[in-house]
């Protein structure tokens, strides 16, 4: 009996430790920075998140079963209108070996940050409430882009599965990740930011020159879509500062409050720019029927994120003679899936599918 009394407290102690550890998908249970932000920040998207009743203090282990909202049709065959929470949670469980940036506002309103290595045990805890916020912001940006007019006359239709595969590949939805090749959730590069805002003054002799994708930010500002309303302050702020590099102002791209939203706006915006104004333009000119195949256009756009950039996608359109008989679009898709970026994306989708264990409807 005395021995049993000795064992039980130890057992309960260990179980309590497991419960605390299970609250974090990533980061340290001792660093509750993200939860404090969601509890008290006055940033407009965080306040909207709380006002919708989406912030819930979680106790015990983290888990997710059928916890996403009901998907609504985009008007596209077999497409979902959002990325379900289960999918984001599974993606966050993938370990991405990059530096994590922890951002804090000073009393004067300036940014200060700490860098945490991939093996750090002190990074902020990403718990269930953090996943809820990432889910909320990600799908708000997707919803804002649906129907957004492009310069070629098309209206954007984001396929959540395609975007999920890209963000899972780039960062696993961990918006704090940063390294030499990219920053934040979309792993933004300087060139993508320049195309979406203004070119680097060093390249334009000090003149303010808009990037070719800047019209997308203007379209969001002019949009009557209510889902765009909470994103407009981010863009209005950017018109003042005219960002052209995600490296010089790191926290503006990786912080929970405005960094996550800004990163996704620019990342999805650049995806839309590549799809319609660069790759889609060439595809439509050479093979209009192929341009009207959303899957083929999305695959070619993803190729544009590979080591040779958009030029590789343009080369494929020309050399494969996409749209030319007797080959079908399915034949071309099979060849395109062998490209480097798509192979990497496919491998990481297989990895997250294993983690999700059937809970993610996009897999």
Protein backbone atom coordinates (compact mmCIF):
# COMPACT_ATOMS: atom_id res chain seq x y z
CA UNK A 1 0.00 0.00 0.00
CA UNK A 2 2.80 2.37 0.83
CA UNK A 3 4.38 1.58 -2.52
CA UNK A 4 1.13 2.37 -4.37
CA UNK A 5 0.91 5.78 -2.67
CA UNK A 6 4.41 6.50 -3.89
CA UNK A 7 3.71 5.51 -7.49
CA UNK A 8 0.39 7.30 -8.03
CA UNK A 9 1.64 10.89 -7.43
CA UNK A 10 4.51 10.24 -9.84
CA UNK A 11 2.07 8.89 -12.42
CA UNK A 12 -0.27 11.88 -12.10
CA UNK A 13 2.67 14.25 -12.26
CA UNK A 14 3.85 12.68 -15.53
CA UNK A 15 0.35 12.80 -17.00
CA UNK A 16 0.05 16.47 -16.16
CA UNK A 17 3.31 17.14 -17.93
CA UNK A 18 2.04 15.33 -21.00
CA UNK A 19 -1.13 17.41 -20.97
CA UNK A 20 0.87 20.63 -20.92
CA UNK A 21 3.20 19.43 -23.69
CA UNK A 22 0.25 18.39 -25.85
CA UNK A 23 -1.05 21.95 -25.89
CA UNK A 24 1.66 22.92 -28.37
CA UNK A 25 1.88 21.70 -31.93
CA UNK A 26 5.18 23.52 -32.04
CA UNK A 27 7.21 25.70 -29.67
CA UNK A 28 7.46 25.79 -25.88
CA UNK A 29 4.52 25.52 -23.43
CA UNK A 30 6.40 28.06 -21.28
CA UNK A 31 6.30 30.71 -24.03
CA UNK A 32 2.64 31.73 -24.29
CA UNK A 33 3.27 34.86 -26.36
CA UNK A 34 0.79 33.99 -29.13
CA UNK A 35 -1.99 33.23 -26.67
CA UNK A 36 -1.41 36.58 -24.92
CA UNK A 37 -1.62 38.36 -28.29
CA UNK A 38 -4.93 36.67 -29.09
CA UNK A 39 -6.25 37.55 -25.62
CA UNK A 40 -5.36 41.24 -25.57
CA UNK A 41 -4.08 42.65 -28.89
CA UNK A 42 -5.93 45.65 -30.35
CA UNK A 43 -4.90 44.76 -33.90
CA UNK A 44 -8.08 44.79 -36.05
CA UNK A 45 -7.91 41.20 -37.34
CA UNK A 46 -7.28 39.87 -33.83
CA UNK A 47 -10.22 41.91 -32.52
CA UNK A 48 -12.43 40.56 -35.34
CA UNK A 49 -11.25 37.05 -34.47
CA UNK A 50 -12.34 37.55 -30.85
CA UNK A 51 -15.58 39.30 -31.83
CA UNK A 52 -16.62 36.29 -33.91
CA UNK A 53 -16.18 34.11 -30.83
CA UNK A 54 -13.34 32.17 -32.45
CA UNK A 55 -10.87 32.64 -29.58
CA UNK A 56 -11.31 29.93 -26.98
CA UNK A 57 -8.94 29.22 -24.13
CA UNK A 58 -7.99 25.56 -24.43
CA UNK A 59 -7.27 23.31 -21.49
CA UNK A 60 -5.52 19.95 -21.68
CA UNK A 61 -4.33 18.29 -24.87
CA UNK A 62 -4.77 19.70 -28.35
CA UNK A 63 -6.92 17.77 -30.78
CA UNK A 64 -9.05 18.34 -33.85
CA UNK A 65 -11.94 16.19 -35.05
CA UNK A 66 -14.32 17.67 -37.61
CA UNK A 67 -13.63 21.13 -36.18
CA UNK A 68 -13.59 23.09 -39.46
CA UNK A 69 -16.54 25.13 -40.61
CA UNK A 70 -18.87 23.88 -43.31
CA UNK A 71 -17.33 24.34 -46.74
CA UNK A 72 -19.26 26.32 -49.34
CA UNK A 73 -19.06 25.72 -53.09
CA UNK A 74 -16.88 27.97 -55.23
CA UNK A 75 -18.89 27.06 -58.28
CA UNK A 76 -16.01 24.89 -59.43
CA UNK A 77 -16.39 21.10 -59.67
CA UNK A 78 -15.42 19.29 -56.48
CA UNK A 79 -13.64 22.30 -55.00
CA UNK A 80 -13.88 23.50 -51.41
CA UNK A 81 -14.19 27.16 -50.51
CA UNK A 82 -11.68 27.01 -47.69
CA UNK A 83 -8.73 25.16 -46.23
CA UNK A 84 -10.17 23.15 -43.31
CA UNK A 85 -8.62 23.57 -39.88
CA UNK A 86 -7.74 19.86 -39.72
CA UNK A 87 -5.47 20.29 -42.75
CA UNK A 88 -3.67 23.31 -41.30
CA UNK A 89 -3.18 21.53 -37.99
CA UNK A 90 -1.67 18.48 -39.70
CA UNK A 91 0.63 20.71 -41.77
CA UNK A 92 1.86 22.50 -38.66
CA UNK A 93 2.96 19.16 -37.25
CA UNK A 94 5.52 18.85 -40.02
CA UNK A 95 8.93 19.99 -38.81
CA UNK A 96 10.47 22.67 -41.03
CA UNK A 97 14.14 23.24 -40.26
CA UNK A 98 14.26 27.03 -40.40
CA UNK A 99 14.83 29.93 -38.01
CA UNK A 100 11.75 31.15 -36.11
CA UNK A 101 11.25 34.89 -35.53
CA UNK A 102 9.50 36.05 -32.33
CA UNK A 103 8.30 39.64 -32.78
CA UNK A 104 7.33 42.13 -30.05
CA UNK A 105 6.11 45.73 -30.22
CA UNK A 106 7.99 48.23 -28.05
CA UNK A 107 5.99 50.85 -26.07
CA UNK A 108 6.93 53.30 -28.85
CA UNK A 109 5.32 51.03 -31.46
CA UNK A 110 8.55 49.78 -33.03
CA UNK A 111 9.36 46.14 -33.71
CA UNK A 112 11.95 44.11 -31.86
CA UNK A 113 12.52 40.43 -32.38
CA UNK A 114 14.34 37.31 -31.21
CA UNK A 115 15.60 34.57 -33.49
CA UNK A 116 15.10 30.94 -32.48
CA UNK A 117 16.99 28.14 -34.21
CA UNK A 118 15.16 25.09 -35.55
CA UNK A 119 16.22 23.15 -32.43
CA UNK A 120 15.28 25.88 -29.96
CA UNK A 121 13.09 24.90 -27.01
CA UNK A 122 11.96 28.48 -26.30
CA UNK A 123 9.96 29.42 -29.40
CA UNK A 124 6.37 30.61 -28.82
CA UNK A 125 3.75 27.89 -28.38
CA UNK A 126 1.48 27.28 -31.36
CA UNK A 127 -1.59 25.82 -29.64
CA UNK A 128 -5.21 25.25 -30.67
CA UNK A 129 -6.09 28.94 -30.45
CA UNK A 130 -3.13 29.78 -32.69
CA UNK A 131 -4.32 27.20 -35.23
CA UNK A 132 -7.79 28.79 -35.09
CA UNK A 133 -6.28 32.19 -35.87
CA UNK A 134 -4.14 30.89 -38.74
CA UNK A 135 -7.25 29.16 -40.10
CA UNK A 136 -9.28 32.37 -39.76
CA UNK A 137 -6.74 34.67 -41.47
CA UNK A 138 -5.80 32.21 -44.22
CA UNK A 139 -9.39 31.69 -45.30
CA UNK A 140 -10.23 35.38 -45.01
CA UNK A 141 -7.49 36.12 -47.56
CA UNK A 142 -8.65 33.27 -49.82
CA UNK A 143 -12.24 34.56 -49.64
CA UNK A 144 -11.10 38.08 -50.49
CA UNK A 145 -9.32 36.85 -53.63
CA UNK A 146 -12.30 34.87 -54.95
CA UNK A 147 -13.73 36.78 -57.91
CA UNK A 148 -11.01 39.45 -57.84
CA UNK A 149 -10.63 40.87 -61.39
CA UNK A 150 -7.35 40.34 -63.23
CA UNK A 151 -5.99 42.57 -65.98
CA UNK A 152 -6.57 39.92 -68.64
CA UNK A 153 -10.32 39.93 -68.00
CA UNK A 154 -10.37 36.79 -65.86
CA UNK A 155 -11.73 36.62 -62.34
CA UNK A 156 -9.59 34.84 -59.80
CA UNK A 157 -10.76 31.48 -58.43
CA UNK A 158 -8.37 30.13 -55.81
CA UNK A 159 -8.39 26.36 -55.48
CA UNK A 160 -7.85 25.76 -51.72
CA UNK A 161 -6.20 22.40 -52.38
CA UNK A 162 -3.58 24.01 -54.65
CA UNK A 163 -2.91 26.80 -52.17
CA UNK A 164 -2.74 24.30 -49.31
CA UNK A 165 -0.15 22.24 -51.21
CA UNK A 166 1.94 25.36 -51.78
CA UNK A 167 1.84 26.66 -48.20
CA UNK A 168 2.40 23.16 -46.82
CA UNK A 169 5.44 22.88 -49.05
CA UNK A 170 6.81 26.34 -48.25
CA UNK A 171 6.36 26.66 -44.50
CA UNK A 172 3.89 24.13 -43.13
CA UNK A 173 1.77 27.21 -42.22
CA UNK A 174 4.27 28.29 -39.56
CA UNK A 175 4.20 32.04 -40.19
CA UNK A 176 7.31 32.71 -38.06
CA UNK A 177 9.76 30.80 -40.26
CA UNK A 178 12.49 32.76 -41.98
CA UNK A 179 15.66 31.93 -43.89
CA UNK A 180 17.76 33.22 -46.78
CA UNK A 181 15.42 31.83 -49.44
CA UNK A 182 12.16 33.24 -48.10
CA UNK A 183 10.19 34.70 -45.20
CA UNK A 184 6.96 33.73 -43.43
CA UNK A 185 3.97 31.57 -44.33
CA UNK A 186 4.44 31.98 -48.08
CA UNK A 187 8.24 32.12 -47.88
CA UNK A 188 8.21 35.46 -49.67
CA UNK A 189 11.21 36.61 -51.66
CA UNK A 190 12.27 40.16 -52.41
CA UNK A 191 11.33 39.81 -56.07
CA UNK A 192 7.76 38.71 -55.25
CA UNK A 193 7.31 41.65 -52.87
CA UNK A 194 8.64 44.08 -55.47
CA UNK A 195 6.24 42.81 -58.12
CA UNK A 196 3.35 43.22 -55.68
CA UNK A 197 4.35 46.68 -54.41
CA UNK A 198 7.21 48.81 -55.77
CA UNK A 199 10.53 48.00 -57.35
CA UNK A 200 13.73 48.46 -55.36
CA UNK A 201 14.76 52.14 -55.74
CA UNK A 202 18.29 50.94 -56.45
CA UNK A 203 16.98 49.52 -59.72
CA UNK A 204 14.91 52.57 -60.63
CA UNK A 205 17.36 55.41 -59.86
CA UNK A 206 15.38 56.37 -56.77
CA UNK A 207 12.04 56.69 -58.57
CA UNK A 208 8.90 55.04 -57.21
CA UNK A 209 7.96 52.44 -59.82
CA UNK A 210 5.04 50.08 -59.24
CA UNK A 211 5.55 46.36 -59.67
CA UNK A 212 3.55 44.60 -62.38
CA UNK A 213 1.33 42.90 -59.81
CA UNK A 214 0.57 46.04 -57.82
CA UNK A 215 -2.85 46.33 -59.49
CA UNK A 216 -3.98 43.34 -57.36
CA UNK A 217 -3.47 45.31 -54.13
CA UNK A 218 -5.43 48.18 -55.70
CA UNK A 219 -8.26 45.78 -56.63
CA UNK A 220 -8.47 44.59 -53.03
CA UNK A 221 -8.74 48.20 -51.83
CA UNK A 222 -11.57 48.81 -54.31
CA UNK A 223 -13.35 45.52 -53.59
CA UNK A 224 -16.83 45.46 -52.07
CA UNK A 225 -16.25 41.90 -50.82
CA UNK A 226 -16.75 42.10 -47.01
CA UNK A 227 -13.94 39.57 -46.51
CA UNK A 228 -11.50 42.15 -47.91
CA UNK A 229 -12.44 44.81 -45.35
CA UNK A 230 -10.12 43.55 -42.60
CA UNK A 231 -7.22 43.30 -45.09
CA UNK A 232 -7.44 46.83 -46.45
CA UNK A 233 -5.64 48.49 -43.49
CA UNK A 234 -2.61 46.28 -44.21
CA UNK A 235 -2.47 47.49 -47.81
CA UNK A 236 -3.18 51.12 -46.92
CA UNK A 237 -0.24 51.00 -44.53
CA UNK A 238 1.95 49.55 -47.27
CA UNK A 239 1.10 52.41 -49.64
CA UNK A 240 2.85 54.69 -47.16
CA UNK A 241 5.97 52.59 -46.63
CA UNK A 242 6.21 51.03 -50.13
CA UNK A 243 7.84 47.76 -49.14
CA UNK A 244 10.20 46.17 -51.62
CA UNK A 245 12.01 43.67 -49.39
CA UNK A 246 10.75 41.17 -46.79
CA UNK A 247 14.21 40.95 -45.23
CA UNK A 248 14.73 44.55 -44.07
CA UNK A 249 11.45 44.69 -42.12
CA UNK A 250 11.19 41.10 -41.00
CA UNK A 251 8.45 41.47 -38.39
CA UNK A 252 6.13 43.07 -40.93
CA UNK A 253 6.04 39.63 -42.61
CA UNK A 254 6.21 37.12 -39.73
CA UNK A 255 4.38 38.66 -36.75
CA UNK A 256 1.07 37.14 -35.65
CA UNK A 257 -0.87 40.41 -35.80
CA UNK A 258 -0.20 41.94 -39.22
CA UNK A 259 2.68 39.82 -40.53
CA UNK A 260 0.61 36.69 -41.21
CA UNK A 261 -2.08 38.60 -43.13
CA UNK A 262 0.44 40.70 -45.09
CA UNK A 263 2.48 37.64 -46.02
CA UNK A 264 -0.59 35.78 -47.29
CA UNK A 265 -1.90 38.79 -49.23
CA UNK A 266 1.40 39.18 -51.04
CA UNK A 267 1.95 35.42 -51.46
CA UNK A 268 -1.49 34.70 -52.90
CA UNK A 269 -1.33 37.94 -54.87
CA UNK A 270 1.94 36.92 -56.50
CA UNK A 271 0.47 33.47 -57.25
CA UNK A 272 -2.48 35.17 -59.00
CA UNK A 273 -0.13 37.51 -60.87
CA UNK A 274 1.98 34.61 -62.16
CA UNK A 275 -1.07 32.54 -63.02
CA UNK A 276 -2.96 35.12 -65.03
CA UNK A 277 -0.55 37.84 -66.14
CA UNK A 278 2.61 35.84 -66.90
CA UNK A 279 2.07 32.11 -67.39
CA UNK A 280 -1.63 32.33 -68.19
CA UNK A 281 -1.03 35.09 -70.73
CA UNK A 282 1.36 32.88 -72.71
CA UNK A 283 -0.85 29.81 -72.36
CA UNK A 284 -3.94 31.71 -73.52
CA UNK A 285 -2.08 33.07 -76.53
CA UNK A 286 -0.84 29.66 -77.66
CA UNK A 287 -3.62 27.36 -76.46
CA UNK A 288 -6.89 29.05 -75.34
CA UNK A 289 -8.55 25.71 -74.58
CA UNK A 290 -5.66 24.73 -72.27
CA UNK A 291 -5.91 28.10 -70.50
CA UNK A 292 -9.50 27.19 -69.61
CA UNK A 293 -8.33 24.06 -67.79
CA UNK A 294 -7.87 25.29 -64.16
CA UNK A 295 -5.81 22.28 -63.08
CA UNK A 296 -3.34 22.64 -65.95
CA UNK A 297 -2.96 26.37 -65.33
CA UNK A 298 -2.39 25.80 -61.60
CA UNK A 299 0.24 23.13 -62.26
CA UNK A 300 2.15 25.43 -64.60
CA UNK A 301 1.93 28.24 -62.03
CA UNK A 302 3.44 25.99 -59.35
CA UNK A 303 6.29 25.20 -61.77
CA UNK A 304 6.99 28.95 -61.67
CA UNK A 305 8.15 28.56 -58.06
CA UNK A 306 10.84 26.06 -58.99
CA UNK A 307 14.57 26.78 -59.39
CA UNK A 308 14.18 28.32 -62.88
CA UNK A 309 11.14 30.42 -61.99
CA UNK A 310 8.36 31.40 -64.37
CA UNK A 311 10.69 31.02 -67.35
CA UNK A 312 10.58 27.26 -66.85
CA UNK A 313 6.78 27.24 -67.09
CA UNK A 314 6.91 29.39 -70.24
CA UNK A 315 9.48 27.03 -71.75
CA UNK A 316 7.23 24.04 -71.02
CA UNK A 317 4.29 25.71 -72.74
CA UNK A 318 6.39 26.22 -75.86
CA UNK A 319 8.46 23.03 -75.98
CA UNK A 320 5.66 20.64 -75.01
CA UNK A 321 3.38 22.43 -77.46
CA UNK A 322 0.63 22.37 -74.86
CA UNK A 323 -2.81 22.31 -76.41
CA UNK A 324 -1.56 20.98 -79.73
CA UNK A 325 -3.12 17.71 -80.98
CA UNK A 326 -3.01 14.77 -80.74
CA UNK A 327 -2.05 15.01 -77.04
CA UNK A 328 -4.66 15.73 -74.39
CA UNK A 329 -4.32 18.07 -71.41
CA UNK A 330 -4.03 14.98 -69.19
CA UNK A 331 -0.90 13.99 -71.13
CA UNK A 332 0.65 17.39 -70.48
CA UNK A 333 -0.30 17.34 -66.79
CA UNK A 334 1.47 14.02 -66.34
CA UNK A 335 4.68 15.47 -67.79
CA UNK A 336 4.45 18.69 -65.77
CA UNK A 337 4.08 16.79 -62.49
CA UNK A 338 7.66 15.56 -62.97
CA UNK A 339 9.01 19.09 -62.48
CA UNK A 340 11.20 19.69 -59.40
CA UNK A 341 8.85 21.94 -57.43
CA UNK A 342 5.85 19.71 -58.05
CA UNK A 343 7.77 16.61 -56.98
CA UNK A 344 8.76 18.34 -53.74
CA UNK A 345 5.20 19.52 -53.20
CA UNK A 346 3.83 16.03 -53.81
CA UNK A 347 6.30 14.48 -51.36
CA UNK A 348 5.33 16.93 -48.61
CA UNK A 349 1.63 16.38 -49.32
CA UNK A 350 2.22 12.65 -48.80
CA UNK A 351 3.96 13.47 -45.53
CA UNK A 352 1.11 15.61 -44.22
CA UNK A 353 -1.45 13.03 -45.41
CA UNK A 354 0.23 10.48 -43.17
CA UNK A 355 0.13 12.91 -40.25
CA UNK A 356 -3.53 13.83 -40.85
CA UNK A 357 -4.66 10.19 -40.75
CA UNK A 358 -7.74 10.83 -42.86
CA UNK A 359 -8.89 13.98 -41.03
CA UNK A 360 -8.04 16.46 -43.86
CA UNK A 361 -10.65 16.50 -46.63
CA UNK A 362 -8.19 18.05 -49.09
CA UNK A 363 -5.92 14.99 -49.02
